[in-house]
Protein backbone atom coordinates (compact mmCIF):
# COMPACT_ATOMS: atom_id res chain seq x y z
CA UNK A 1 0.19 -10.96 -16.18
CA UNK A 2 -2.55 -11.48 -18.79
CA UNK A 3 -5.06 -8.73 -19.27
CA UNK A 4 -8.56 -9.67 -18.20
CA UNK A 5 -11.46 -7.42 -19.05
CA UNK A 6 -13.10 -5.86 -15.97
CA UNK A 7 -9.96 -6.01 -13.83
CA UNK A 8 -8.71 -2.49 -14.83
CA UNK A 9 -9.31 0.33 -12.39
CA UNK A 10 -10.13 2.63 -15.30
CA UNK A 11 -12.00 1.97 -18.54
CA UNK A 12 -9.94 0.07 -21.12
CA UNK A 13 -8.50 1.88 -24.13
CA UNK A 14 -8.40 0.70 -27.71
CA UNK A 15 -6.58 1.71 -30.86
CA UNK A 16 -8.96 3.25 -33.39
CA UNK A 17 -6.81 2.92 -36.48
CA UNK A 18 -3.40 1.49 -37.51
CA UNK A 19 -0.47 3.64 -36.48
CA UNK A 20 3.02 3.95 -38.03
CA UNK A 21 6.03 5.82 -36.73
CA UNK A 22 9.65 5.97 -38.06
CA UNK A 23 12.86 7.17 -36.47
CA UNK A 24 16.64 6.87 -37.05
CA UNK A 25 19.23 6.31 -34.39
CA UNK A 26 22.91 6.25 -35.46
CA UNK A 27 21.90 5.14 -38.96
CA UNK A 28 19.68 2.36 -37.73
CA UNK A 29 16.15 2.77 -39.01
CA UNK A 30 13.23 1.88 -36.71
CA UNK A 31 9.68 1.52 -38.08
CA UNK A 32 6.90 1.07 -35.44
CA UNK A 33 3.54 -0.31 -36.50
CA UNK A 34 0.61 -1.12 -34.35
CA UNK A 35 -3.09 -1.89 -34.81
CA UNK A 36 -6.08 -3.29 -32.97
CA UNK A 37 -6.71 -7.07 -33.04
CA UNK A 38 -9.39 -9.32 -31.59
CA UNK A 39 -7.33 -12.48 -30.84
CA UNK A 40 -3.94 -14.06 -31.18
CA UNK A 41 -4.68 -15.38 -34.65
CA UNK A 42 -5.16 -11.79 -35.99
CA UNK A 43 -2.02 -10.63 -34.02
CA UNK A 44 0.13 -13.43 -35.59
CA UNK A 45 -1.25 -12.59 -39.04
CA UNK A 46 -0.14 -8.92 -38.66
CA UNK A 47 3.29 -10.01 -37.51
CA UNK A 48 3.65 -12.42 -40.46
CA UNK A 49 2.64 -9.61 -42.83
CA UNK A 50 5.18 -7.19 -41.41
CA UNK A 51 7.89 -9.86 -41.56
CA UNK A 52 7.09 -10.45 -45.28
CA UNK A 53 7.03 -6.76 -46.04
CA UNK A 54 10.30 -6.15 -44.21
CA UNK A 55 11.99 -9.47 -45.08
CA UNK A 56 15.38 -7.75 -45.43
CA UNK A 57 15.21 -6.11 -42.03
CA UNK A 58 17.59 -7.35 -39.25
CA UNK A 59 14.88 -7.50 -36.57
CA UNK A 60 11.01 -7.54 -36.48
CA UNK A 61 10.41 -7.14 -32.70
CA UNK A 62 6.83 -7.56 -31.53
CA UNK A 63 4.46 -7.43 -28.57
CA UNK A 64 0.76 -8.14 -28.39
CA UNK A 65 -2.03 -8.76 -25.86
CA UNK A 66 -5.63 -9.88 -26.44
CA UNK A 67 -8.53 -10.15 -24.01
CA UNK A 68 -10.23 -12.99 -25.93
CA UNK A 69 -7.24 -15.30 -25.52
CA UNK A 70 -6.18 -13.73 -22.19
CA UNK A 71 -2.60 -13.74 -23.54
CA UNK A 72 0.47 -11.50 -23.68
CA UNK A 73 3.32 -12.26 -25.95
CA UNK A 74 6.58 -10.45 -26.95
CA UNK A 75 9.77 -11.25 -28.85
CA UNK A 76 13.24 -9.60 -29.02
CA UNK A 77 13.76 -11.32 -32.45
CA UNK A 78 17.44 -11.62 -32.03
CA UNK A 79 18.16 -8.44 -30.13
CA UNK A 80 19.80 -8.79 -26.69
CA UNK A 81 17.28 -10.03 -24.09
CA UNK A 82 15.18 -7.38 -22.57
CA UNK A 83 16.24 -4.65 -24.89
CA UNK A 84 13.44 -4.81 -27.51
CA UNK A 85 10.29 -6.81 -26.89
CA UNK A 86 9.89 -5.80 -23.23
CA UNK A 87 10.32 -2.09 -23.89
CA UNK A 88 7.62 -2.28 -26.61
CA UNK A 89 5.32 -4.25 -24.30
CA UNK A 90 5.92 -1.80 -21.40
CA UNK A 91 4.76 1.16 -23.63
CA UNK A 92 1.40 -0.49 -24.12
CA UNK A 93 0.93 -1.85 -20.58
CA UNK A 94 1.46 1.58 -19.13
CA UNK A 95 -1.12 3.02 -21.50
CA UNK A 96 -4.01 0.74 -20.48
CA UNK A 97 -4.54 -0.25 -24.12
CA UNK A 98 -6.07 -3.70 -24.79
CA UNK A 99 -6.39 -5.85 -27.89
CA UNK A 100 -3.26 -4.70 -29.78
CA UNK A 101 -0.29 -5.88 -31.68
CA UNK A 102 2.85 -3.76 -32.15
CA UNK A 103 5.80 -4.64 -34.47
CA UNK A 104 8.98 -2.55 -34.47
CA UNK A 105 11.19 -3.26 -37.45
CA UNK A 106 14.89 -2.43 -37.34
CA UNK A 107 17.29 -1.97 -40.24
CA UNK A 108 20.78 -2.01 -38.72
CA UNK A 109 22.91 0.97 -39.64
CA UNK A 110 26.35 -0.38 -38.73
CA UNK A 111 26.68 1.24 -35.31
CA UNK A 112 25.90 -0.61 -32.03
CA UNK A 113 23.47 1.27 -29.86
CA UNK A 114 24.13 -0.59 -26.62
CA UNK A 115 21.39 -1.87 -24.27
CA UNK A 116 20.25 1.51 -23.14
CA UNK A 117 20.12 2.81 -26.73
CA UNK A 118 18.12 -0.07 -27.93
CA UNK A 119 15.57 0.24 -25.10
CA UNK A 120 15.11 3.96 -25.86
CA UNK A 121 14.80 3.44 -29.62
CA UNK A 122 12.30 0.59 -29.38
CA UNK A 123 10.27 2.41 -26.77
CA UNK A 124 10.21 5.60 -28.83
CA UNK A 125 9.16 3.70 -31.98
CA UNK A 126 6.44 1.84 -30.18
CA UNK A 127 5.13 4.96 -28.45
CA UNK A 128 5.11 6.98 -31.70
CA UNK A 129 3.11 4.23 -33.45
CA UNK A 130 0.69 3.99 -30.50
CA UNK A 131 0.03 7.69 -30.55
CA UNK A 132 -0.45 7.64 -34.29
CA UNK A 133 -3.13 4.90 -33.82
CA UNK A 134 -5.35 7.41 -31.94
CA UNK A 135 -6.08 5.51 -28.67
CA UNK A 136 -9.54 6.11 -27.20
CA UNK A 137 -11.38 4.93 -24.20
CA UNK A 138 -13.65 1.95 -24.99
CA UNK A 139 -17.31 2.77 -24.49
CA UNK A 140 -19.10 -0.36 -23.31
CA UNK A 141 -22.80 -0.39 -24.23
CA UNK A 142 -25.74 -2.59 -23.21
CA UNK A 143 -28.94 -3.20 -25.14
CA UNK A 144 -32.18 -2.97 -23.21
CA UNK A 145 -35.76 -3.62 -24.32
CA UNK A 146 -38.16 -1.11 -22.76
CA UNK A 147 -41.81 -1.91 -22.89
CA UNK A 148 -44.36 0.76 -21.91
CA UNK A 149 -48.05 1.55 -22.33
CA UNK A 150 -49.02 3.97 -25.07
CA UNK A 151 -49.99 6.72 -22.66
CA UNK A 152 -46.43 6.60 -21.18
CA UNK A 153 -44.52 6.67 -24.47
CA UNK A 154 -44.02 10.45 -24.53
CA UNK A 155 -42.53 10.45 -21.02
CA UNK A 156 -40.25 7.55 -21.91
CA UNK A 157 -39.08 9.24 -25.04
CA UNK A 158 -38.53 12.51 -23.21
CA UNK A 159 -36.33 10.77 -20.62
CA UNK A 160 -34.39 8.90 -23.26
CA UNK A 161 -33.74 12.10 -25.14
CA UNK A 162 -32.71 13.85 -21.87
CA UNK A 163 -30.13 11.06 -21.14
CA UNK A 164 -29.06 11.05 -24.83
CA UNK A 165 -29.92 7.36 -25.11
CA UNK A 166 -30.63 6.37 -28.78
CA UNK A 167 -33.65 4.25 -29.80
CA UNK A 168 -32.41 1.58 -32.10
CA UNK A 169 -35.79 -0.01 -32.85
CA UNK A 170 -39.38 0.65 -31.92
CA UNK A 171 -42.42 -1.66 -32.24
CA UNK A 172 -46.01 -0.57 -31.57
CA UNK A 173 -48.41 -3.47 -30.89
CA UNK A 174 -50.48 -3.76 -27.69
CA UNK A 175 -47.61 -1.91 -26.07
CA UNK A 176 -44.66 0.23 -27.14
CA UNK A 177 -41.50 -1.79 -27.24
CA UNK A 178 -38.20 0.11 -27.63
CA UNK A 179 -34.70 -1.23 -28.05
CA UNK A 180 -32.17 1.18 -26.58
CA UNK A 181 -28.40 1.32 -26.26
CA UNK A 182 -27.05 2.47 -22.85
CA UNK A 183 -23.44 3.22 -21.94
CA UNK A 184 -21.98 2.19 -18.63
CA UNK A 185 -21.99 5.89 -17.57
CA UNK A 186 -25.69 6.18 -18.36
CA UNK A 187 -26.74 2.90 -16.83
CA UNK A 188 -27.12 3.89 -13.16
CA UNK A 189 -29.43 6.80 -13.91
CA UNK A 190 -31.30 4.89 -16.54
CA UNK A 191 -31.99 1.91 -14.27
CA UNK A 192 -32.96 4.14 -11.31
CA UNK A 193 -35.44 6.37 -13.17
CA UNK A 194 -36.84 4.36 -16.12
CA UNK A 195 -38.96 2.07 -13.82
CA UNK A 196 -41.29 4.99 -13.18
CA UNK A 197 -42.42 4.97 -16.80
CA UNK A 198 -42.14 1.40 -18.03
CA UNK A 199 -43.69 -1.98 -17.43
CA UNK A 200 -40.50 -4.02 -17.78
CA UNK A 201 -36.84 -3.90 -18.84
CA UNK A 202 -35.03 -6.87 -20.26
CA UNK A 203 -31.30 -7.21 -21.02
């Protein structure tokens, strides 16, 4: 089922950097690579680049999912059905990660691994690459414009500092107008309390 932002029970997780992991199983070399992508076009570009880099490999198995396109794709790339692409995809679906592409390259070592061996090897390569990519919870932030009278600025500033909400921009004309960045965790307290010290709040 395609991933749709906002349907997860817990906050989504993203990859913070490219991850690479290598392993060897009965002389077959597996190279897992994953990175964050915004859409299918970026995912396809990564897959194409890996295929070019490892043009002599026997298989370049992949899986990706993007929120923007609401799409999930995978490929066994010539491996027996269900032994490569699906195991790679399962690793990421279980993790809660969104907006990713993972390619696992295999150089065949001459010994057949069997269906179970392939599933384990591709899963391990994908998981190793995923962990190397340093997954972190996505912090969703909202910008607010807070307008207050001059005699209330100190109190507003005090509350923002107390909530650890940064002021991105400040303008002082007939009123004090502040642009602030609020996380989802900060939002309930911010919206509940800030009205005591401001004239208006605009998304």
